mmCIF file of all heavy atoms, coordinates in Angstrom:
data_MODEL
# 
_entry.id   MODEL 
# 
loop_
_atom_site.group_PDB 
_atom_site.id 
_atom_site.type_symbol 
_atom_site.label_atom_id 
_atom_site.label_alt_id 
_atom_site.label_comp_id 
_atom_site.label_asym_id 
_atom_site.label_entity_id 
_atom_site.label_seq_id 
_atom_site.pdbx_PDB_ins_code 
_atom_site.Cartn_x 
_atom_site.Cartn_y 
_atom_site.Cartn_z 
_atom_site.occupancy 
_atom_site.B_iso_or_equiv 
_atom_site.pdbx_formal_charge 
_atom_site.auth_seq_id 
_atom_site.auth_comp_id 
_atom_site.auth_asym_id 
_atom_site.auth_atom_id 
_atom_site.pdbx_PDB_model_num 
ATOM 1   N N   . VAL A 1 1  ? 89.516  104.912 89.855  1.00 0.00 ? 1  VAL A N   1 
ATOM 2   C CA  . VAL A 1 1  ? 88.468  103.934 89.555  1.00 0.00 ? 1  VAL A CA  1 
ATOM 3   C C   . VAL A 1 1  ? 87.165  104.349 90.225  1.00 0.00 ? 1  VAL A C   1 
ATOM 4   O O   . VAL A 1 1  ? 87.151  104.738 91.402  1.00 0.00 ? 1  VAL A O   1 
ATOM 5   C CB  . VAL A 1 1  ? 88.860  102.529 90.032  1.00 0.00 ? 1  VAL A CB  1 
ATOM 6   C CG1 . VAL A 1 1  ? 87.734  101.525 89.749  1.00 0.00 ? 1  VAL A CG1 1 
ATOM 7   C CG2 . VAL A 1 1  ? 90.160  102.072 89.369  1.00 0.00 ? 1  VAL A CG2 1 
ATOM 8   N N   . PHE A 1 2  ? 86.075  104.242 89.473  1.00 0.00 ? 2  PHE A N   1 
ATOM 9   C CA  . PHE A 1 2  ? 84.724  104.446 89.988  1.00 0.00 ? 2  PHE A CA  1 
ATOM 10  C C   . PHE A 1 2  ? 83.974  103.138 89.777  1.00 0.00 ? 2  PHE A C   1 
ATOM 11  O O   . PHE A 1 2  ? 83.631  102.787 88.650  1.00 0.00 ? 2  PHE A O   1 
ATOM 12  C CB  . PHE A 1 2  ? 84.028  105.596 89.259  1.00 0.00 ? 2  PHE A CB  1 
ATOM 13  C CG  . PHE A 1 2  ? 84.658  106.939 89.518  1.00 0.00 ? 2  PHE A CG  1 
ATOM 14  C CD1 . PHE A 1 2  ? 85.843  107.302 88.889  1.00 0.00 ? 2  PHE A CD1 1 
ATOM 15  C CD2 . PHE A 1 2  ? 84.076  107.833 90.401  1.00 0.00 ? 2  PHE A CD2 1 
ATOM 16  C CE1 . PHE A 1 2  ? 86.433  108.531 89.135  1.00 0.00 ? 2  PHE A CE1 1 
ATOM 17  C CE2 . PHE A 1 2  ? 84.668  109.074 90.659  1.00 0.00 ? 2  PHE A CE2 1 
ATOM 18  C CZ  . PHE A 1 2  ? 85.840  109.419 90.018  1.00 0.00 ? 2  PHE A CZ  1 
ATOM 19  N N   . LEU A 1 3  ? 83.747  102.412 90.868  1.00 0.00 ? 3  LEU A N   1 
ATOM 20  C CA  . LEU A 1 3  ? 83.089  101.113 90.789  1.00 0.00 ? 3  LEU A CA  1 
ATOM 21  C C   . LEU A 1 3  ? 81.649  101.241 91.292  1.00 0.00 ? 3  LEU A C   1 
ATOM 22  O O   . LEU A 1 3  ? 81.414  101.721 92.404  1.00 0.00 ? 3  LEU A O   1 
ATOM 23  C CB  . LEU A 1 3  ? 83.848  100.076 91.611  1.00 0.00 ? 3  LEU A CB  1 
ATOM 24  C CG  . LEU A 1 3  ? 83.342  98.635  91.520  1.00 0.00 ? 3  LEU A CG  1 
ATOM 25  C CD1 . LEU A 1 3  ? 84.510  97.648  91.652  1.00 0.00 ? 3  LEU A CD1 1 
ATOM 26  C CD2 . LEU A 1 3  ? 82.282  98.317  92.590  1.00 0.00 ? 3  LEU A CD2 1 
ATOM 27  N N   . PHE A 1 4  ? 80.709  100.814 90.463  1.00 0.00 ? 4  PHE A N   1 
ATOM 28  C CA  . PHE A 1 4  ? 79.286  100.843 90.777  1.00 0.00 ? 4  PHE A CA  1 
ATOM 29  C C   . PHE A 1 4  ? 78.785  99.403  90.909  1.00 0.00 ? 4  PHE A C   1 
ATOM 30  O O   . PHE A 1 4  ? 79.211  98.514  90.168  1.00 0.00 ? 4  PHE A O   1 
ATOM 31  C CB  . PHE A 1 4  ? 78.495  101.543 89.674  1.00 0.00 ? 4  PHE A CB  1 
ATOM 32  C CG  . PHE A 1 4  ? 78.901  102.974 89.435  1.00 0.00 ? 4  PHE A CG  1 
ATOM 33  C CD1 . PHE A 1 4  ? 80.018  103.278 88.650  1.00 0.00 ? 4  PHE A CD1 1 
ATOM 34  C CD2 . PHE A 1 4  ? 78.190  104.018 89.993  1.00 0.00 ? 4  PHE A CD2 1 
ATOM 35  C CE1 . PHE A 1 4  ? 80.393  104.593 88.425  1.00 0.00 ? 4  PHE A CE1 1 
ATOM 36  C CE2 . PHE A 1 4  ? 78.561  105.335 89.773  1.00 0.00 ? 4  PHE A CE2 1 
ATOM 37  C CZ  . PHE A 1 4  ? 79.670  105.621 88.993  1.00 0.00 ? 4  PHE A CZ  1 
ATOM 38  N N   . ASN A 1 5  ? 77.835  99.186  91.823  1.00 0.00 ? 5  ASN A N   1 
ATOM 39  C CA  . ASN A 1 5  ? 77.205  97.874  91.888  1.00 0.00 ? 5  ASN A CA  1 
ATOM 40  C C   . ASN A 1 5  ? 76.010  97.831  90.935  1.00 0.00 ? 5  ASN A C   1 
ATOM 41  O O   . ASN A 1 5  ? 75.725  98.815  90.228  1.00 0.00 ? 5  ASN A O   1 
ATOM 42  C CB  . ASN A 1 5  ? 76.822  97.509  93.326  1.00 0.00 ? 5  ASN A CB  1 
ATOM 43  C CG  . ASN A 1 5  ? 75.778  98.449  93.924  1.00 0.00 ? 5  ASN A CG  1 
ATOM 44  O OD1 . ASN A 1 5  ? 75.116  99.211  93.216  1.00 0.00 ? 5  ASN A OD1 1 
ATOM 45  N ND2 . ASN A 1 5  ? 75.624  98.396  95.243  1.00 0.00 ? 5  ASN A ND2 1 
ATOM 46  N N   . THR A 1 6  ? 75.318  96.719  90.901  1.00 0.00 ? 6  THR A N   1 
ATOM 47  C CA  . THR A 1 6  ? 74.202  96.572  89.958  1.00 0.00 ? 6  THR A CA  1 
ATOM 48  C C   . THR A 1 6  ? 72.973  97.367  90.380  1.00 0.00 ? 6  THR A C   1 
ATOM 49  O O   . THR A 1 6  ? 71.994  97.435  89.631  1.00 0.00 ? 6  THR A O   1 
ATOM 50  C CB  . THR A 1 6  ? 73.834  95.087  89.784  1.00 0.00 ? 6  THR A CB  1 
ATOM 51  O OG1 . THR A 1 6  ? 73.610  94.494  91.069  1.00 0.00 ? 6  THR A OG1 1 
ATOM 52  C CG2 . THR A 1 6  ? 74.952  94.345  89.067  1.00 0.00 ? 6  THR A CG2 1 
ATOM 53  N N   . GLU A 1 7  ? 73.013  97.988  91.562  1.00 0.00 ? 7  GLU A N   1 
ATOM 54  C CA  . GLU A 1 7  ? 71.961  98.916  91.976  1.00 0.00 ? 7  GLU A CA  1 
ATOM 55  C C   . GLU A 1 7  ? 72.323  100.358 91.605  1.00 0.00 ? 7  GLU A C   1 
ATOM 56  O O   . GLU A 1 7  ? 71.651  101.300 92.021  1.00 0.00 ? 7  GLU A O   1 
ATOM 57  C CB  . GLU A 1 7  ? 71.732  98.821  93.491  1.00 0.00 ? 7  GLU A CB  1 
ATOM 58  C CG  . GLU A 1 7  ? 71.232  97.454  93.949  1.00 0.00 ? 7  GLU A CG  1 
ATOM 59  C CD  . GLU A 1 7  ? 71.059  97.392  95.456  1.00 0.00 ? 7  GLU A CD  1 
ATOM 60  O OE1 . GLU A 1 7  ? 71.570  98.299  96.165  1.00 0.00 ? 7  GLU A OE1 1 
ATOM 61  O OE2 . GLU A 1 7  ? 70.407  96.454  95.930  1.00 0.00 ? 7  GLU A OE2 1 
ATOM 62  N N   . ASN A 1 8  ? 73.390  100.517 90.830  1.00 0.00 ? 8  ASN A N   1 
ATOM 63  C CA  . ASN A 1 8  ? 73.869  101.838 90.382  1.00 0.00 ? 8  ASN A CA  1 
ATOM 64  C C   . ASN A 1 8  ? 74.374  102.704 91.532  1.00 0.00 ? 8  ASN A C   1 
ATOM 65  O O   . ASN A 1 8  ? 74.390  103.937 91.429  1.00 0.00 ? 8  ASN A O   1 
ATOM 66  C CB  . ASN A 1 8  ? 72.789  102.599 89.600  1.00 0.00 ? 8  ASN A CB  1 
ATOM 67  C CG  . ASN A 1 8  ? 72.520  101.978 88.242  1.00 0.00 ? 8  ASN A CG  1 
ATOM 68  O OD1 . ASN A 1 8  ? 73.321  101.202 87.737  1.00 0.00 ? 8  ASN A OD1 1 
ATOM 69  N ND2 . ASN A 1 8  ? 71.384  102.317 87.657  1.00 0.00 ? 8  ASN A ND2 1 
ATOM 70  N N   . LYS A 1 9  ? 74.817  102.074 92.610  1.00 0.00 ? 9  LYS A N   1 
ATOM 71  C CA  . LYS A 1 9  ? 75.426  102.802 93.718  1.00 0.00 ? 9  LYS A CA  1 
ATOM 72  C C   . LYS A 1 9  ? 76.938  102.799 93.550  1.00 0.00 ? 9  LYS A C   1 
ATOM 73  O O   . LYS A 1 9  ? 77.530  101.801 93.123  1.00 0.00 ? 9  LYS A O   1 
ATOM 74  C CB  . LYS A 1 9  ? 75.043  102.184 95.065  1.00 0.00 ? 9  LYS A CB  1 
ATOM 75  C CG  . LYS A 1 9  ? 73.564  102.335 95.410  1.00 0.00 ? 9  LYS A CG  1 
ATOM 76  C CD  . LYS A 1 9  ? 73.272  101.749 96.784  1.00 0.00 ? 9  LYS A CD  1 
ATOM 77  C CE  . LYS A 1 9  ? 71.805  101.941 97.161  1.00 0.00 ? 9  LYS A CE  1 
ATOM 78  N NZ  . LYS A 1 9  ? 71.518  101.379 98.507  1.00 0.00 ? 9  LYS A NZ  1 
ATOM 79  N N   . LEU A 1 10 ? 77.556  103.918 93.902  1.00 0.00 ? 10 LEU A N   1 
ATOM 80  C CA  . LEU A 1 10 ? 78.998  104.103 93.753  1.00 0.00 ? 10 LEU A CA  1 
ATOM 81  C C   . LEU A 1 10 ? 79.706  103.730 95.054  1.00 0.00 ? 10 LEU A C   1 
ATOM 82  O O   . LEU A 1 10 ? 79.319  104.176 96.135  1.00 0.00 ? 10 LEU A O   1 
ATOM 83  C CB  . LEU A 1 10 ? 79.299  105.555 93.398  1.00 0.00 ? 10 LEU A CB  1 
ATOM 84  C CG  . LEU A 1 10 ? 80.765  105.993 93.389  1.00 0.00 ? 10 LEU A CG  1 
ATOM 85  C CD1 . LEU A 1 10 ? 81.567  105.223 92.348  1.00 0.00 ? 10 LEU A CD1 1 
ATOM 86  C CD2 . LEU A 1 10 ? 80.858  107.505 93.139  1.00 0.00 ? 10 LEU A CD2 1 
ATOM 87  N N   . LEU A 1 11 ? 80.765  102.944 94.950  1.00 0.00 ? 11 LEU A N   1 
ATOM 88  C CA  . LEU A 1 11 ? 81.558  102.582 96.110  1.00 0.00 ? 11 LEU A CA  1 
ATOM 89  C C   . LEU A 1 11 ? 82.572  103.687 96.409  1.00 0.00 ? 11 LEU A C   1 
ATOM 90  O O   . LEU A 1 11 ? 83.427  104.010 95.584  1.00 0.00 ? 11 LEU A O   1 
ATOM 91  C CB  . LEU A 1 11 ? 82.301  101.267 95.859  1.00 0.00 ? 11 LEU A CB  1 
ATOM 92  C CG  . LEU A 1 11 ? 83.205  100.770 96.995  1.00 0.00 ? 11 LEU A CG  1 
ATOM 93  C CD1 . LEU A 1 11 ? 82.421  100.541 98.279  1.00 0.00 ? 11 LEU A CD1 1 
ATOM 94  C CD2 . LEU A 1 11 ? 83.939  99.500  96.571  1.00 0.00 ? 11 LEU A CD2 1 
ATOM 95  N N   . LEU A 1 12 ? 82.448  104.289 97.597  1.00 0.00 ? 12 LEU A N   1 
ATOM 96  C CA  . LEU A 1 12 ? 83.400  105.288 98.069  1.00 0.00 ? 12 LEU A CA  1 
ATOM 97  C C   . LEU A 1 12 ? 84.260  104.690 99.179  1.00 0.00 ? 12 LEU A C   1 
ATOM 98  O O   . LEU A 1 12 ? 83.863  103.724 99.832  1.00 0.00 ? 12 LEU A O   1 
ATOM 99  C CB  . LEU A 1 12 ? 82.676  106.517 98.628  1.00 0.00 ? 12 LEU A CB  1 
ATOM 100 C CG  . LEU A 1 12 ? 81.767  107.307 97.697  1.00 0.00 ? 12 LEU A CG  1 
ATOM 101 C CD1 . LEU A 1 12 ? 81.258  108.547 98.415  1.00 0.00 ? 12 LEU A CD1 1 
ATOM 102 C CD2 . LEU A 1 12 ? 82.474  107.680 96.407  1.00 0.00 ? 12 LEU A CD2 1 
ATOM 103 N N   . GLN A 1 13 ? 85.410  105.302 99.396  1.00 0.00 ? 13 GLN A N   1 
ATOM 104 C CA  . GLN A 1 13 ? 86.239  104.936 100.527 1.00 0.00 ? 13 GLN A CA  1 
ATOM 105 C C   . GLN A 1 13 ? 86.701  106.200 101.246 1.00 0.00 ? 13 GLN A C   1 
ATOM 106 O O   . GLN A 1 13 ? 86.745  107.289 100.669 1.00 0.00 ? 13 GLN A O   1 
ATOM 107 C CB  . GLN A 1 13 ? 87.465  104.130 100.085 1.00 0.00 ? 13 GLN A CB  1 
ATOM 108 C CG  . GLN A 1 13 ? 88.427  104.882 99.177  1.00 0.00 ? 13 GLN A CG  1 
ATOM 109 C CD  . GLN A 1 13 ? 89.840  104.304 99.193  1.00 0.00 ? 13 GLN A CD  1 
ATOM 110 O OE1 . GLN A 1 13 ? 90.589  104.526 100.153 1.00 0.00 ? 13 GLN A OE1 1 
ATOM 111 N NE2 . GLN A 1 13 ? 90.196  103.591 98.133  1.00 0.00 ? 13 GLN A NE2 1 
ATOM 112 N N   . GLN A 1 14 ? 87.030  106.024 102.517 1.00 0.00 ? 14 GLN A N   1 
ATOM 113 C CA  . GLN A 1 14 ? 87.720  107.063 103.273 1.00 0.00 ? 14 GLN A CA  1 
ATOM 114 C C   . GLN A 1 14 ? 89.141  106.577 103.481 1.00 0.00 ? 14 GLN A C   1 
ATOM 115 O O   . GLN A 1 14 ? 89.375  105.491 104.028 1.00 0.00 ? 14 GLN A O   1 
ATOM 116 C CB  . GLN A 1 14 ? 87.055  107.322 104.619 1.00 0.00 ? 14 GLN A CB  1 
ATOM 117 C CG  . GLN A 1 14 ? 87.718  108.443 105.413 1.00 0.00 ? 14 GLN A CG  1 
ATOM 118 C CD  . GLN A 1 14 ? 87.119  108.620 106.802 1.00 0.00 ? 14 GLN A CD  1 
ATOM 119 O OE1 . GLN A 1 14 ? 86.421  107.742 107.298 1.00 0.00 ? 14 GLN A OE1 1 
ATOM 120 N NE2 . GLN A 1 14 ? 87.396  109.743 107.430 1.00 0.00 ? 14 GLN A NE2 1 
ATOM 121 N N   . ARG A 1 15 ? 90.101  107.377 103.030 1.00 0.00 ? 15 ARG A N   1 
ATOM 122 C CA  . ARG A 1 15 ? 91.490  106.977 103.116 1.00 0.00 ? 15 ARG A CA  1 
ATOM 123 C C   . ARG A 1 15 ? 91.936  106.844 104.576 1.00 0.00 ? 15 ARG A C   1 
ATOM 124 O O   . ARG A 1 15 ? 91.526  107.629 105.435 1.00 0.00 ? 15 ARG A O   1 
ATOM 125 C CB  . ARG A 1 15 ? 92.369  107.989 102.378 1.00 0.00 ? 15 ARG A CB  1 
ATOM 126 C CG  . ARG A 1 15 ? 92.157  107.955 100.877 1.00 0.00 ? 15 ARG A CG  1 
ATOM 127 C CD  . ARG A 1 15 ? 92.677  109.200 100.192 1.00 0.00 ? 15 ARG A CD  1 
ATOM 128 N NE  . ARG A 1 15 ? 94.133  109.334 100.233 1.00 0.00 ? 15 ARG A NE  1 
ATOM 129 C CZ  . ARG A 1 15 ? 94.960  108.806 99.350  1.00 0.00 ? 15 ARG A CZ  1 
ATOM 130 N NH1 . ARG A 1 15 ? 94.485  108.067 98.350  1.00 0.00 ? 15 ARG A NH1 1 
ATOM 131 N NH2 . ARG A 1 15 ? 96.269  109.015 99.442  1.00 0.00 ? 15 ARG A NH2 1 
ATOM 132 N N   . SER A 1 16 ? 92.775  105.863 104.827 1.00 0.00 ? 16 SER A N   1 
ATOM 133 C CA  . SER A 1 16 ? 93.287  105.643 106.169 1.00 0.00 ? 16 SER A CA  1 
ATOM 134 C C   . SER A 1 16 ? 94.078  106.851 106.657 1.00 0.00 ? 16 SER A C   1 
ATOM 135 O O   . SER A 1 16 ? 94.661  107.601 105.864 1.00 0.00 ? 16 SER A O   1 
ATOM 136 C CB  . SER A 1 16 ? 94.191  104.404 106.150 1.00 0.00 ? 16 SER A CB  1 
ATOM 137 O OG  . SER A 1 16 ? 95.005  104.341 107.290 1.00 0.00 ? 16 SER A OG  1 
ATOM 138 N N   . ASN A 1 17 ? 94.135  107.009 107.971 1.00 0.00 ? 17 ASN A N   1 
ATOM 139 C CA  . ASN A 1 17 ? 94.969  108.077 108.513 1.00 0.00 ? 17 ASN A CA  1 
ATOM 140 C C   . ASN A 1 17 ? 96.448  107.729 108.449 1.00 0.00 ? 17 ASN A C   1 
ATOM 141 O O   . ASN A 1 17 ? 97.297  108.548 108.805 1.00 0.00 ? 17 ASN A O   1 
ATOM 142 C CB  . ASN A 1 17 ? 94.554  108.434 109.948 1.00 0.00 ? 17 ASN A CB  1 
ATOM 143 C CG  . ASN A 1 17 ? 94.638  107.251 110.895 1.00 0.00 ? 17 ASN A CG  1 
ATOM 144 O OD1 . ASN A 1 17 ? 95.222  106.211 110.579 1.00 0.00 ? 17 ASN A OD1 1 
ATOM 145 N ND2 . ASN A 1 17 ? 94.039  107.393 112.067 1.00 0.00 ? 17 ASN A ND2 1 
ATOM 146 N N   . ALA A 1 18 ? 96.764  106.527 107.960 1.00 0.00 ? 18 ALA A N   1 
ATOM 147 C CA  . ALA A 1 18 ? 98.162  106.154 107.720 1.00 0.00 ? 18 ALA A CA  1 
ATOM 148 C C   . ALA A 1 18 ? 98.673  106.663 106.380 1.00 0.00 ? 18 ALA A C   1 
ATOM 149 O O   . ALA A 1 18 ? 99.882  106.689 106.156 1.00 0.00 ? 18 ALA A O   1 
ATOM 150 C CB  . ALA A 1 18 ? 98.313  104.632 107.772 1.00 0.00 ? 18 ALA A CB  1 
ATOM 151 N N   . LYS A 1 19 ? 97.762  107.061 105.490 1.00 0.00 ? 19 LYS A N   1 
ATOM 152 C CA  . LYS A 1 19 ? 98.169  107.501 104.161 1.00 0.00 ? 19 LYS A CA  1 
ATOM 153 C C   . LYS A 1 19 ? 99.038  108.755 104.253 1.00 0.00 ? 19 LYS A C   1 
ATOM 154 O O   . LYS A 1 19 ? 98.785  109.646 105.064 1.00 0.00 ? 19 LYS A O   1 
ATOM 155 C CB  . LYS A 1 19 ? 96.952  107.774 103.281 1.00 0.00 ? 19 LYS A CB  1 
ATOM 156 C CG  . LYS A 1 19 ? 96.060  106.561 103.048 1.00 0.00 ? 19 LYS A CG  1 
ATOM 157 C CD  . LYS A 1 19 ? 96.717  105.503 102.193 1.00 0.00 ? 19 LYS A CD  1 
ATOM 158 C CE  . LYS A 1 19 ? 96.668  105.847 100.743 1.00 0.00 ? 19 LYS A CE  1 
ATOM 159 N NZ  . LYS A 1 19 ? 97.178  104.734 99.893  1.00 0.00 ? 19 LYS A NZ  1 
ATOM 160 N N   . ILE A 1 20 ? 100.029 108.833 103.396 1.00 0.00 ? 20 ILE A N   1 
ATOM 161 C CA  . ILE A 1 20 ? 100.961 109.955 103.447 1.00 0.00 ? 20 ILE A CA  1 
ATOM 162 C C   . ILE A 1 20 ? 100.373 111.192 102.783 1.00 0.00 ? 20 ILE A C   1 
ATOM 163 O O   . ILE A 1 20 ? 100.565 112.313 103.251 1.00 0.00 ? 20 ILE A O   1 
ATOM 164 C CB  . ILE A 1 20 ? 102.304 109.542 102.810 1.00 0.00 ? 20 ILE A CB  1 
ATOM 165 C CG1 . ILE A 1 20 ? 102.954 108.457 103.678 1.00 0.00 ? 20 ILE A CG1 1 
ATOM 166 C CG2 . ILE A 1 20 ? 103.237 110.749 102.659 1.00 0.00 ? 20 ILE A CG2 1 
ATOM 167 C CD1 . ILE A 1 20 ? 104.165 107.803 103.067 1.00 0.00 ? 20 ILE A CD1 1 
ATOM 168 N N   . THR A 1 21 ? 99.644  111.000 101.687 1.00 0.00 ? 21 THR A N   1 
ATOM 169 C CA  . THR A 1 21 ? 98.946  112.129 101.066 1.00 0.00 ? 21 THR A CA  1 
ATOM 170 C C   . THR A 1 21 ? 97.443  111.996 101.311 1.00 0.00 ? 21 THR A C   1 
ATOM 171 O O   . THR A 1 21 ? 96.875  110.924 101.191 1.00 0.00 ? 21 THR A O   1 
ATOM 172 C CB  . THR A 1 21 ? 99.213  112.202 99.548  1.00 0.00 ? 21 THR A CB  1 
ATOM 173 O OG1 . THR A 1 21 ? 98.780  110.979 98.925  1.00 0.00 ? 21 THR A OG1 1 
ATOM 174 C CG2 . THR A 1 21 ? 100.687 112.411 99.255  1.00 0.00 ? 21 THR A CG2 1 
ATOM 175 N N   . PHE A 1 22 ? 96.844  113.097 101.689 1.00 0.00 ? 22 PHE A N   1 
ATOM 176 C CA  . PHE A 1 22 ? 95.404  113.224 101.891 1.00 0.00 ? 22 PHE A CA  1 
ATOM 177 C C   . PHE A 1 22 ? 94.823  112.142 102.808 1.00 0.00 ? 22 PHE A C   1 
ATOM 178 O O   . PHE A 1 22 ? 93.852  111.481 102.462 1.00 0.00 ? 22 PHE A O   1 
ATOM 179 C CB  . PHE A 1 22 ? 94.686  113.255 100.540 1.00 0.00 ? 22 PHE A CB  1 
ATOM 180 C CG  . PHE A 1 22 ? 95.165  114.382 99.664  1.00 0.00 ? 22 PHE A CG  1 
ATOM 181 C CD1 . PHE A 1 22 ? 96.083  114.149 98.643  1.00 0.00 ? 22 PHE A CD1 1 
ATOM 182 C CD2 . PHE A 1 22 ? 94.744  115.684 99.877  1.00 0.00 ? 22 PHE A CD2 1 
ATOM 183 C CE1 . PHE A 1 22 ? 96.561  115.191 97.851  1.00 0.00 ? 22 PHE A CE1 1 
ATOM 184 C CE2 . PHE A 1 22 ? 95.219  116.734 99.097  1.00 0.00 ? 22 PHE A CE2 1 
ATOM 185 C CZ  . PHE A 1 22 ? 96.130  116.486 98.079  1.00 0.00 ? 22 PHE A CZ  1 
ATOM 186 N N   . PRO A 1 23 ? 95.417  111.965 104.012 1.00 0.00 ? 23 PRO A N   1 
ATOM 187 C CA  . PRO A 1 23 ? 94.846  111.013 104.964 1.00 0.00 ? 23 PRO A CA  1 
ATOM 188 C C   . PRO A 1 23 ? 93.464  111.457 105.418 1.00 0.00 ? 23 PRO A C   1 
ATOM 189 O O   . PRO A 1 23 ? 93.154  112.645 105.431 1.00 0.00 ? 23 PRO A O   1 
ATOM 190 C CB  . PRO A 1 23 ? 95.846  111.052 106.127 1.00 0.00 ? 23 PRO A CB  1 
ATOM 191 C CG  . PRO A 1 23 ? 96.460  112.415 106.036 1.00 0.00 ? 23 PRO A CG  1 
ATOM 192 C CD  . PRO A 1 23 ? 96.556  112.714 104.569 1.00 0.00 ? 23 PRO A CD  1 
ATOM 193 N N   . ASP A 1 24 ? 92.622  110.480 105.748 1.00 0.00 ? 24 ASP A N   1 
ATOM 194 C CA  . ASP A 1 24 ? 91.268  110.702 106.286 1.00 0.00 ? 24 ASP A CA  1 
ATOM 195 C C   . ASP A 1 24 ? 90.284  111.266 105.261 1.00 0.00 ? 24 ASP A C   1 
ATOM 196 O O   . ASP A 1 24 ? 89.118  111.501 105.600 1.00 0.00 ? 24 ASP A O   1 
ATOM 197 C CB  . ASP A 1 24 ? 91.303  111.642 107.505 1.00 0.00 ? 24 ASP A CB  1 
ATOM 198 C CG  . ASP A 1 24 ? 92.119  111.086 108.653 1.00 0.00 ? 24 ASP A CG  1 
ATOM 199 O OD1 . ASP A 1 24 ? 91.972  109.895 108.963 1.00 0.00 ? 24 ASP A OD1 1 
ATOM 200 O OD2 . ASP A 1 24 ? 92.913  111.849 109.251 1.00 0.00 ? 24 ASP A OD2 1 
ATOM 201 N N   . CYS A 1 25 ? 90.721  111.505 104.052 1.00 0.00 ? 25 CYS A N   1 
ATOM 202 C CA  . CYS A 1 25 ? 89.831  112.106 103.054 1.00 0.00 ? 25 CYS A CA  1 
ATOM 203 C C   . CYS A 1 25 ? 88.922  111.056 102.417 1.00 0.00 ? 25 CYS A C   1 
ATOM 204 O O   . CYS A 1 25 ? 89.346  109.930 102.134 1.00 0.00 ? 25 CYS A O   1 
ATOM 205 C CB  . CYS A 1 25 ? 90.638  112.792 101.951 1.00 0.00 ? 25 CYS A CB  1 
ATOM 206 S SG  . CYS A 1 25 ? 91.471  114.300 102.474 1.00 0.00 ? 25 CYS A SG  1 
ATOM 207 N N   . PHE A 1 26 ? 87.688  111.444 102.139 1.00 0.00 ? 26 PHE A N   1 
ATOM 208 C CA  . PHE A 1 26 ? 86.773  110.607 101.374 1.00 0.00 ? 26 PHE A CA  1 
ATOM 209 C C   . PHE A 1 26 ? 87.096  110.759 99.893  1.00 0.00 ? 26 PHE A C   1 
ATOM 210 O O   . PHE A 1 26 ? 87.461  111.844 99.424  1.00 0.00 ? 26 PHE A O   1 
ATOM 211 C CB  . PHE A 1 26 ? 85.319  111.002 101.653 1.00 0.00 ? 26 PHE A CB  1 
ATOM 212 C CG  . PHE A 1 26 ? 84.880  110.696 103.059 1.00 0.00 ? 26 PHE A CG  1 
ATOM 213 C CD1 . PHE A 1 26 ? 85.046  111.621 104.078 1.00 0.00 ? 26 PHE A CD1 1 
ATOM 214 C CD2 . PHE A 1 26 ? 84.320  109.470 103.367 1.00 0.00 ? 26 PHE A CD2 1 
ATOM 215 C CE1 . PHE A 1 26 ? 84.660  111.344 105.381 1.00 0.00 ? 26 PHE A CE1 1 
ATOM 216 C CE2 . PHE A 1 26 ? 83.922  109.167 104.666 1.00 0.00 ? 26 PHE A CE2 1 
ATOM 217 C CZ  . PHE A 1 26 ? 84.096  110.107 105.672 1.00 0.00 ? 26 PHE A CZ  1 
ATOM 218 N N   . THR A 1 27 ? 86.928  109.662 99.156  1.00 0.00 ? 27 THR A N   1 
ATOM 219 C CA  . THR A 1 27 ? 87.292  109.701 97.743  1.00 0.00 ? 27 THR A CA  1 
ATOM 220 C C   . THR A 1 27 ? 86.575  108.591 96.982  1.00 0.00 ? 27 THR A C   1 
ATOM 221 O O   . THR A 1 27 ? 85.790  107.837 97.563  1.00 0.00 ? 27 THR A O   1 
ATOM 222 C CB  . THR A 1 27 ? 88.828  109.595 97.591  1.00 0.00 ? 27 THR A CB  1 
ATOM 223 O OG1 . THR A 1 27 ? 89.206  109.948 96.267  1.00 0.00 ? 27 THR A OG1 1 
ATOM 224 C CG2 . THR A 1 27 ? 89.333  108.195 97.923  1.00 0.00 ? 27 THR A CG2 1 
ATOM 225 N N   . ASN A 1 28 ? 86.852  108.511 95.689  1.00 0.00 ? 28 ASN A N   1 
ATOM 226 C CA  . ASN A 1 28 ? 86.235  107.478 94.858  1.00 0.00 ? 28 ASN A CA  1 
ATOM 227 C C   . ASN A 1 28 ? 86.792  106.100 95.215  1.00 0.00 ? 28 ASN A C   1 
ATOM 228 O O   . ASN A 1 28 ? 87.621  105.956 96.106  1.00 0.00 ? 28 ASN A O   1 
ATOM 229 C CB  . ASN A 1 28 ? 86.432  107.792 93.379  1.00 0.00 ? 28 ASN A CB  1 
ATOM 230 C CG  . ASN A 1 28 ? 87.874  108.103 93.031  1.00 0.00 ? 28 ASN A CG  1 
ATOM 231 O OD1 . ASN A 1 28 ? 88.392  109.159 93.400  1.00 0.00 ? 28 ASN A OD1 1 
ATOM 232 N ND2 . ASN A 1 28 ? 88.528  107.174 92.350  1.00 0.00 ? 28 ASN A ND2 1 
# 
């Protein structure tokens, strides 16, 4: 999912270090 606000900015997240695959990685 790529979620944009009404200012056309994209919401990114950094995955928790608890995640089993790709922890700490920034992503959509």
